[in-house]
Amino acid sequence: MLELEKPAFDAGAFLASAGLGRRIVKLRGKQTFFSQGEAADSVFYLHSGRAKLTVVSKYGKEATITLLSAGEFIGEESLGNVGALRRSTATSMIDCTALKIERKEMLRAMHEEHSLCEIFIQFLLARGMRIQSDLVDQLYNSCERRLAGILLSMAEFGEADVSEWSIPEITEERLAKTIGAPRSSVAFFMNRFRELGLIDYDGRIRVRKALLTVILNDQFPDDNAVRPAIVDFPLKPSKPAEDTHSSARFNTRQAWASADGGKLAHSSSGRE
């Protein structure tokens, strides 16, 4: 009896089409894939559009974790533990199309098909490197440079002969939360970028290639990007530590001697 050969698994087709345990979802701008605190029972694979991950503290302060584009997974933490809750909120920035995959189906496919597992691992590595880069950027770069980096990331540069790219609609307040800076600083730097010809900013932001050149060269106009050399200054020899107890005892003796001397002198003068 001839055994039918199992058709080869196509990871691209799996992530592109609906099937058992997975379906295509479409969201308009500013709709949520999932919200913080909900049950983490599925993972999304973004086909088109842009999305963002945000988290809200118990005091109501919101922060943007990262921005997402086509070809990335959303809500991958659901694969970690059964019954876990979402630790962030995923929201579409523009119209989005995505594949929603149930947790059980995603784990089964990754266990049986190594090609899908490799795609997911590559995504996790890229995400980890980007988070590390964002952390270094937050710690060491100025607000101006962080803002320029976010604008370039959202622009998604493509064809080389295009001189500028439009980015999804975003407010100065949202940019401020993304880079961790006051809104007034974002407004100041956006106006500066426009005056320098790095962006067009008339409600909808268009990023010019000149901004990429500035970032690659690590130098803004009127901004010296050369760091001063580290100079080793000779260290002065440290003074030996004083024995505080000895000093205290010495000062006490001196005080008593002065007091006794005063009394003796007073007595002597009286006898004379």
Protein backbone atom coordinates (compact mmCIF):
# COMPACT_ATOMS: atom_id res chain seq x y z
CA MET A 1 0.00 0.00 0.00
CA LEU A 2 1.43 3.33 -1.06
CA GLU A 3 1.69 6.04 1.54
CA LEU A 4 0.75 9.52 0.46
CA GLU A 5 3.54 11.99 0.93
CA LYS A 6 2.82 14.81 3.30
CA PRO A 7 2.91 18.13 1.42
CA ALA A 8 5.86 20.30 2.31
CA PHE A 9 5.09 22.93 4.90
CA ASP A 10 5.28 26.53 3.67
CA ALA A 11 5.82 28.91 6.59
CA GLY A 12 5.09 31.92 4.39
CA ALA A 13 1.75 30.49 3.29
CA PHE A 14 0.92 29.56 6.88
CA LEU A 15 1.44 33.16 8.04
CA ALA A 16 -0.33 34.64 5.02
CA SER A 17 -3.61 32.74 5.03
CA ALA A 18 -6.44 31.73 7.34
CA GLY A 19 -6.90 28.14 8.44
CA LEU A 20 -7.45 25.94 11.44
CA GLY A 21 -6.93 28.06 14.56
CA ARG A 22 -6.09 31.22 12.65
CA ARG A 23 -8.03 33.96 10.88
CA ILE A 24 -7.46 37.28 9.10
CA VAL A 25 -8.46 40.41 11.00
CA LYS A 26 -8.65 43.98 9.74
CA LEU A 27 -8.45 47.04 11.95
CA ARG A 28 -8.88 50.71 11.24
CA GLY A 29 -6.55 53.30 12.67
CA LYS A 30 -6.57 53.63 16.48
CA GLN A 31 -8.31 50.28 17.05
CA THR A 32 -6.83 47.80 19.50
CA PHE A 33 -5.53 44.30 18.81
CA PHE A 34 -5.67 43.62 22.55
CA SER A 35 -5.60 45.59 25.79
CA GLN A 36 -3.41 45.46 28.88
CA GLY A 37 -4.81 43.03 31.45
CA GLU A 38 -6.71 40.83 28.97
CA ALA A 39 -6.10 37.09 28.66
CA ALA A 40 -3.06 36.36 26.46
CA ASP A 41 -4.55 33.58 24.31
CA SER A 42 -3.35 34.44 20.80
CA VAL A 43 -0.56 36.00 18.77
CA PHE A 44 -0.87 38.29 15.76
CA TYR A 45 1.26 38.43 12.62
CA LEU A 46 1.05 41.87 11.01
CA HIS A 47 0.54 41.76 7.22
CA SER A 48 0.22 45.49 6.56
CA GLY A 49 0.00 48.77 8.44
CA ARG A 50 1.70 50.12 11.53
CA ALA A 51 0.99 49.47 15.20
CA LYS A 52 2.33 50.49 18.58
CA LEU A 53 2.70 48.88 21.98
CA THR A 54 1.89 50.99 25.03
CA VAL A 55 1.74 50.34 28.76
CA VAL A 56 -0.12 52.25 31.46
CA SER A 57 1.13 52.47 35.05
CA LYS A 58 -1.14 52.11 38.05
CA TYR A 59 -1.06 55.91 38.31
CA GLY A 60 -2.44 56.29 34.78
CA LYS A 61 0.77 57.36 33.06
CA GLU A 62 1.10 55.91 29.56
CA ALA A 63 4.37 55.08 27.83
CA THR A 64 5.08 53.78 24.32
CA ILE A 65 7.22 50.63 24.32
CA THR A 66 7.85 50.15 20.62
CA LEU A 67 6.48 50.67 17.11
CA LEU A 68 5.62 47.69 14.90
CA SER A 69 5.50 47.24 11.13
CA ALA A 70 4.51 44.56 8.62
CA GLY A 71 6.26 41.23 9.08
CA GLU A 72 6.37 41.39 12.89
CA PHE A 73 4.56 39.39 15.54
CA ILE A 74 2.37 41.12 18.13
CA GLY A 75 1.58 39.64 21.52
CA GLU A 76 4.23 36.91 21.38
CA GLU A 77 4.33 36.81 25.20
CA SER A 78 1.13 34.73 25.04
CA LEU A 79 3.25 31.72 24.05
CA GLY A 80 5.09 31.80 27.37
CA ASN A 81 2.59 30.75 30.01
CA VAL A 82 -0.92 29.36 30.06
CA GLY A 83 -3.38 31.83 31.55
CA ALA A 84 -1.02 34.78 31.30
CA LEU A 85 -2.36 38.32 31.02
CA ARG A 86 -1.39 40.95 28.48
CA ARG A 87 1.23 43.30 29.88
CA SER A 88 0.68 45.97 27.22
CA THR A 89 -1.86 47.34 24.74
CA ALA A 90 -1.40 46.96 20.97
CA THR A 91 -3.07 49.66 18.88
CA SER A 92 -3.14 50.22 15.13
CA MET A 93 -1.70 53.56 14.02
CA ILE A 94 -3.17 53.24 10.52
CA ASP A 95 -5.40 50.64 8.82
CA CYS A 96 -3.92 47.21 9.52
CA THR A 97 -4.36 43.66 8.32
CA ALA A 98 -3.08 40.82 10.47
CA LEU A 99 -3.32 37.09 11.02
CA LYS A 100 -4.64 36.13 14.45
CA ILE A 101 -3.29 32.75 15.53
CA GLU A 102 -4.57 30.91 18.57
CA ARG A 103 -1.91 30.08 21.14
CA LYS A 104 -2.41 26.31 20.89
CA GLU A 105 -2.18 26.29 17.09
CA MET A 106 0.95 28.48 17.05
CA LEU A 107 2.73 26.22 19.55
CA ARG A 108 1.77 23.10 17.59
CA ALA A 109 3.00 24.52 14.29
CA MET A 110 6.28 25.73 15.80
CA HIS A 111 6.87 22.33 17.41
CA GLU A 112 6.24 20.39 14.21
CA GLU A 113 7.63 22.77 11.59
CA HIS A 114 11.17 24.01 12.11
CA SER A 115 10.93 26.61 9.33
CA LEU A 116 8.22 28.47 11.23
CA CYS A 117 10.20 28.15 14.45
CA GLU A 118 13.24 29.68 12.73
CA ILE A 119 11.18 32.67 11.53
CA PHE A 120 9.88 33.24 15.05
CA ILE A 121 13.35 32.96 16.62
CA GLN A 122 14.77 35.43 14.09
CA PHE A 123 11.98 37.83 15.00
CA LEU A 124 12.71 37.48 18.73
CA LEU A 125 16.42 38.12 18.17
CA ALA A 126 15.71 41.20 16.07
CA ARG A 127 13.22 42.48 18.67
CA GLY A 128 15.73 41.94 21.48
CA MET A 129 18.48 43.79 19.61
CA ARG A 130 16.13 46.67 18.89
CA ILE A 131 15.06 46.92 22.53
CA GLN A 132 18.70 46.96 23.58
CA SER A 133 19.43 49.66 21.01
CA ASP A 134 16.46 51.70 22.23
CA LEU A 135 17.68 51.42 25.81
CA VAL A 136 21.17 52.62 24.89
CA ASP A 137 19.58 55.41 22.86
CA GLN A 138 17.47 56.43 25.86
CA LEU A 139 20.46 56.44 28.21
CA TYR A 140 23.10 58.16 26.10
CA ASN A 141 21.51 60.14 23.26
CA SER A 142 19.84 63.52 23.44
CA CYS A 143 16.10 64.05 22.97
CA GLU A 144 16.82 65.55 19.55
CA ARG A 145 18.63 62.45 18.33
CA ARG A 146 15.99 60.12 19.76
CA LEU A 147 13.28 62.09 17.97
CA ALA A 148 15.19 61.90 14.68
CA GLY A 149 15.62 58.15 15.13
CA ILE A 150 11.89 57.62 15.74
CA LEU A 151 10.98 59.65 12.65
CA LEU A 152 13.37 57.59 10.52
CA SER A 153 12.00 54.35 11.98
CA MET A 154 8.43 55.35 11.16
CA ALA A 155 9.39 56.49 7.64
CA GLU A 156 10.52 52.96 6.62
CA PHE A 157 12.92 54.08 3.90
CA GLY A 158 12.51 52.10 0.71
CA GLU A 159 13.40 53.12 -2.83
CA ALA A 160 16.72 54.89 -3.15
CA ASP A 161 15.54 57.48 -5.68
CA VAL A 162 12.81 58.82 -3.39
CA SER A 163 13.84 62.01 -1.59
CA GLU A 164 11.21 61.97 1.16
CA TRP A 165 8.78 59.61 2.86
CA SER A 166 5.49 60.22 4.65
CA ILE A 167 4.98 58.67 8.06
CA PRO A 168 1.70 57.61 9.70
CA GLU A 169 -0.22 60.41 11.35
CA ILE A 170 1.10 61.01 14.85
CA THR A 171 0.81 63.87 17.31
CA GLU A 172 3.59 65.72 19.09
CA GLU A 173 2.22 64.42 22.38
CA ARG A 174 2.58 60.82 21.16
CA LEU A 175 6.13 61.50 19.95
CA ALA A 176 6.94 63.01 23.33
CA LYS A 177 5.73 59.87 25.13
CA THR A 178 7.71 57.70 22.73
CA ILE A 179 11.06 59.42 23.32
CA GLY A 180 10.42 60.29 26.97
CA ALA A 181 10.59 64.06 26.64
CA PRO A 182 8.27 67.05 27.26
CA ARG A 183 5.91 68.00 24.45
CA SER A 184 7.46 71.49 24.32
CA SER A 185 10.85 69.94 23.51
CA VAL A 186 9.35 67.89 20.68
CA ALA A 187 7.68 70.99 19.23
CA PHE A 188 10.98 72.89 19.39
CA PHE A 189 12.97 70.13 17.67
CA MET A 190 10.31 69.54 15.01
CA ASN A 191 10.41 73.22 14.11
CA ARG A 192 14.21 73.07 14.05
CA PHE A 193 14.19 70.06 11.73
CA ARG A 194 11.81 71.89 9.41
CA GLU A 195 13.97 75.03 9.37
CA LEU A 196 17.02 72.90 8.55
CA GLY A 197 15.19 71.23 5.67
CA LEU A 198 15.26 67.78 7.28
CA ILE A 199 11.47 67.33 7.31
CA ASP A 200 8.31 68.87 5.93
CA TYR A 201 5.84 69.47 8.71
CA ASP A 202 2.45 70.89 7.83
CA GLY A 203 0.17 68.62 9.82
CA ARG A 204 1.42 65.45 8.08
CA ILE A 205 5.09 64.73 8.59
CA ARG A 206 7.31 63.94 5.59
CA VAL A 207 10.86 62.86 6.36
CA ARG A 208 13.62 63.83 3.94
CA LYS A 209 16.69 61.79 3.15
CA ALA A 210 18.84 64.56 4.61
CA LEU A 211 17.75 63.48 8.11
CA LEU A 212 19.15 60.00 7.46
CA THR A 213 22.45 61.53 6.35
CA VAL A 214 22.63 63.57 9.54
CA ILE A 215 22.02 60.49 11.69
CA LEU A 216 24.54 58.33 9.81
CA ASN A 217 27.20 61.02 10.14
CA ASP A 218 26.28 61.51 13.80
CA GLN A 219 26.30 65.25 13.47
CA PHE A 220 23.49 67.77 13.41
CA PRO A 221 24.10 71.24 11.97
CA ASP A 222 25.56 73.54 14.63
CA ASP A 223 26.19 70.50 16.75
CA ASN A 224 29.72 69.22 17.32
CA ALA A 225 29.44 65.46 17.37
CA VAL A 226 33.14 64.92 18.10
CA ARG A 227 33.58 63.82 21.68
CA PRO A 228 36.54 65.28 23.59
CA ALA A 229 39.37 62.90 24.31
CA ILE A 230 39.57 61.48 27.78
CA VAL A 231 42.50 62.99 29.66
CA ASP A 232 44.13 61.16 32.52
CA PHE A 233 44.91 63.71 35.19
CA PRO A 234 47.58 62.76 37.78
CA LEU A 235 46.03 61.86 41.04
CA LYS A 236 47.14 63.85 44.07
CA PRO A 237 48.62 61.78 46.88
CA SER A 238 45.99 61.29 49.49
CA LYS A 239 46.65 62.49 53.00
CA PRO A 240 46.99 59.79 55.62
CA ALA A 241 43.82 59.34 57.57
CA GLU A 242 43.91 60.98 60.93
CA ASP A 243 43.23 59.00 64.04
CA THR A 244 40.10 60.76 65.14
CA HIS A 245 40.14 59.10 68.55
CA SER A 246 43.76 60.19 69.19
CA SER A 247 42.97 63.71 68.03
CA ALA A 248 39.96 63.82 70.29
CA ARG A 249 41.98 62.58 73.27
CA PHE A 250 44.71 65.14 72.51
CA ASN A 251 42.23 67.99 72.29
CA THR A 252 40.61 66.90 75.55
CA ARG A 253 43.98 66.84 77.37
CA GLN A 254 44.85 70.23 75.93
CA ALA A 255 41.58 71.68 77.15
CA TRP A 256 42.03 70.28 80.66
CA ALA A 257 45.63 71.51 80.76
CA SER A 258 44.53 74.97 79.75
CA ALA A 259 41.83 74.95 82.41
CA ASP A 260 44.22 73.72 85.13
CA GLY A 261 46.84 76.21 84.08
CA GLY A 262 44.34 78.99 84.37
CA LYS A 263 43.39 77.87 87.85
CA LEU A 264 47.02 77.58 88.94
CA ALA A 265 47.86 80.95 87.55
CA HIS A 266 44.88 82.43 89.36
CA SER A 267 45.96 80.79 92.64
CA SER A 268 49.53 81.97 92.30
CA SER A 269 48.48 85.52 91.64
CA GLY A 270 46.22 85.40 94.66
CA ARG A 271 49.06 84.24 96.96
CA GLU A 272 51.33 86.98 95.67
